[in-house]
Structure formats: structure tokens, C-alpha cells
Amino acid sequence: MSDTLPSSTPSVPFLEEIQAPWNKHLTFSEKMYDGGFTTILMRIKEGKRFTDLELDFETAAKIADILADWAGRAKANQD
């Protein structure tokens, strides 16, 4: 019998990173928990300060739609 317990620490594979305006650095990782539950972790880093936003797929999809709609309008206004 093993003396180790199953790990409850999620696996966090890196997905992407981008530089954003005003010296912000964004990283995206997929956070996978035991049992198969996954989220996307977006870390916004500005200097020494950072904010983590962990989203399920439904919330991430809603935010993606909002951002895509806004980006389309903003680009059309610049053209």
C-alpha cells in the first residue's frame, strides 16, 4: 500500500503569453484538477503586482464573445 495521498494540486500547462498596453504582461494556462475539471487561468502582471482570473469554459466563451465584438467595432472605427 502506498503512503502517498492523491494530489489535489492542479496541473497548470502553459498556453500563451502576450504583452498588452501600459506595460501589462498576460499569461494563459489551462488549470486541470483531479476529476477532469478544467479552467483557464489568466494572469495579468504589471510590475510587481499581479491579478489571477480563473474561468470555466462557459464564462471564458462569454468573455471571448464580448472582446471579439468590441475589437471588431474598435477596428472599424480606426479604419
Protein backbone atom coordinates (compact mmCIF):
# COMPACT_ATOMS: atom_id res chain seq x y z
CA MET A 1 0.00 0.00 0.00
CA SER A 2 1.27 3.47 -0.88
CA ASP A 3 1.89 6.07 1.83
CA THR A 4 1.17 8.95 -0.56
CA LEU A 5 -2.21 10.55 -0.97
CA PRO A 6 -3.64 11.54 -4.35
CA SER A 7 -2.55 15.05 -5.24
CA SER A 8 -5.18 17.77 -5.06
CA THR A 9 -2.73 20.22 -6.59
CA PRO A 10 -3.90 21.03 -10.11
CA SER A 11 -1.71 20.67 -13.18
CA VAL A 12 -1.16 24.03 -14.92
CA PRO A 13 0.15 23.69 -18.50
CA PHE A 14 1.20 26.95 -20.18
CA LEU A 15 -0.85 28.03 -23.21
CA GLU A 16 0.18 31.52 -24.37
CA GLU A 17 1.52 34.89 -23.30
CA ILE A 18 1.13 38.39 -24.70
CA GLN A 19 2.34 41.91 -23.99
CA ALA A 20 -0.51 44.39 -23.57
CA PRO A 21 -0.59 48.20 -23.49
CA TRP A 22 0.54 50.08 -20.38
CA ASN A 23 3.30 47.59 -19.52
CA LYS A 24 1.00 44.68 -18.77
CA HIS A 25 2.05 41.07 -19.37
CA LEU A 26 -0.67 38.43 -19.74
CA THR A 27 -0.13 34.69 -19.45
CA PHE A 28 -2.70 31.99 -20.09
CA SER A 29 -2.59 28.48 -18.66
CA GLU A 30 -5.01 25.60 -18.52
CA LYS A 31 -5.63 24.51 -14.94
CA MET A 32 -6.61 20.83 -14.69
CA TYR A 33 -7.97 19.48 -11.43
CA ASP A 34 -8.34 15.89 -10.28
CA GLY A 35 -11.57 14.50 -11.66
CA GLY A 36 -11.23 16.25 -15.02
CA PHE A 37 -12.48 19.76 -14.19
CA THR A 38 -10.53 22.36 -16.19
CA THR A 39 -10.35 26.14 -16.16
CA ILE A 40 -8.28 28.74 -17.95
CA LEU A 41 -6.04 30.82 -15.73
CA MET A 42 -5.28 34.33 -16.97
CA ARG A 43 -2.56 36.14 -15.02
CA ILE A 44 -2.22 39.87 -15.59
CA LYS A 45 1.14 41.12 -14.36
CA GLU A 46 2.02 44.80 -14.02
CA GLY A 47 5.35 45.42 -12.36
CA LYS A 48 5.37 43.52 -9.06
CA ARG A 49 1.59 43.33 -8.92
CA PHE A 50 -0.44 40.54 -10.50
CA THR A 51 -4.08 39.50 -10.76
CA ASP A 52 -5.22 35.93 -11.42
CA LEU A 53 -8.54 35.29 -13.13
CA GLU A 54 -9.64 31.65 -13.28
CA LEU A 55 -12.56 30.94 -15.63
CA ASP A 56 -14.68 27.95 -16.58
CA PHE A 57 -15.31 27.34 -20.30
CA GLU A 58 -18.77 28.97 -20.31
CA THR A 59 -17.53 32.21 -18.73
CA ALA A 60 -14.43 32.24 -20.96
CA ALA A 61 -16.64 31.85 -24.06
CA LYS A 62 -18.88 34.77 -22.98
CA ILE A 63 -15.87 36.99 -22.37
CA ALA A 64 -14.37 35.95 -25.72
CA ASP A 65 -17.60 36.97 -27.49
CA ILE A 66 -17.66 40.35 -25.73
CA LEU A 67 -13.99 41.02 -26.55
CA ALA A 68 -14.35 39.93 -30.19
CA ASP A 69 -17.42 42.16 -30.65
CA TRP A 70 -15.66 45.14 -29.10
CA ALA A 71 -12.43 44.55 -31.07
CA GLY A 72 -14.40 44.44 -34.34
CA ARG A 73 -16.13 47.74 -33.56
CA ALA A 74 -12.92 49.40 -32.36
CA LYS A 75 -11.04 48.34 -35.50
CA ALA A 76 -13.86 49.57 -37.75
CA ASN A 77 -13.71 52.96 -36.00
CA GLN A 78 -9.97 53.23 -36.68
CA ASP A 79 -10.28 52.45 -40.40
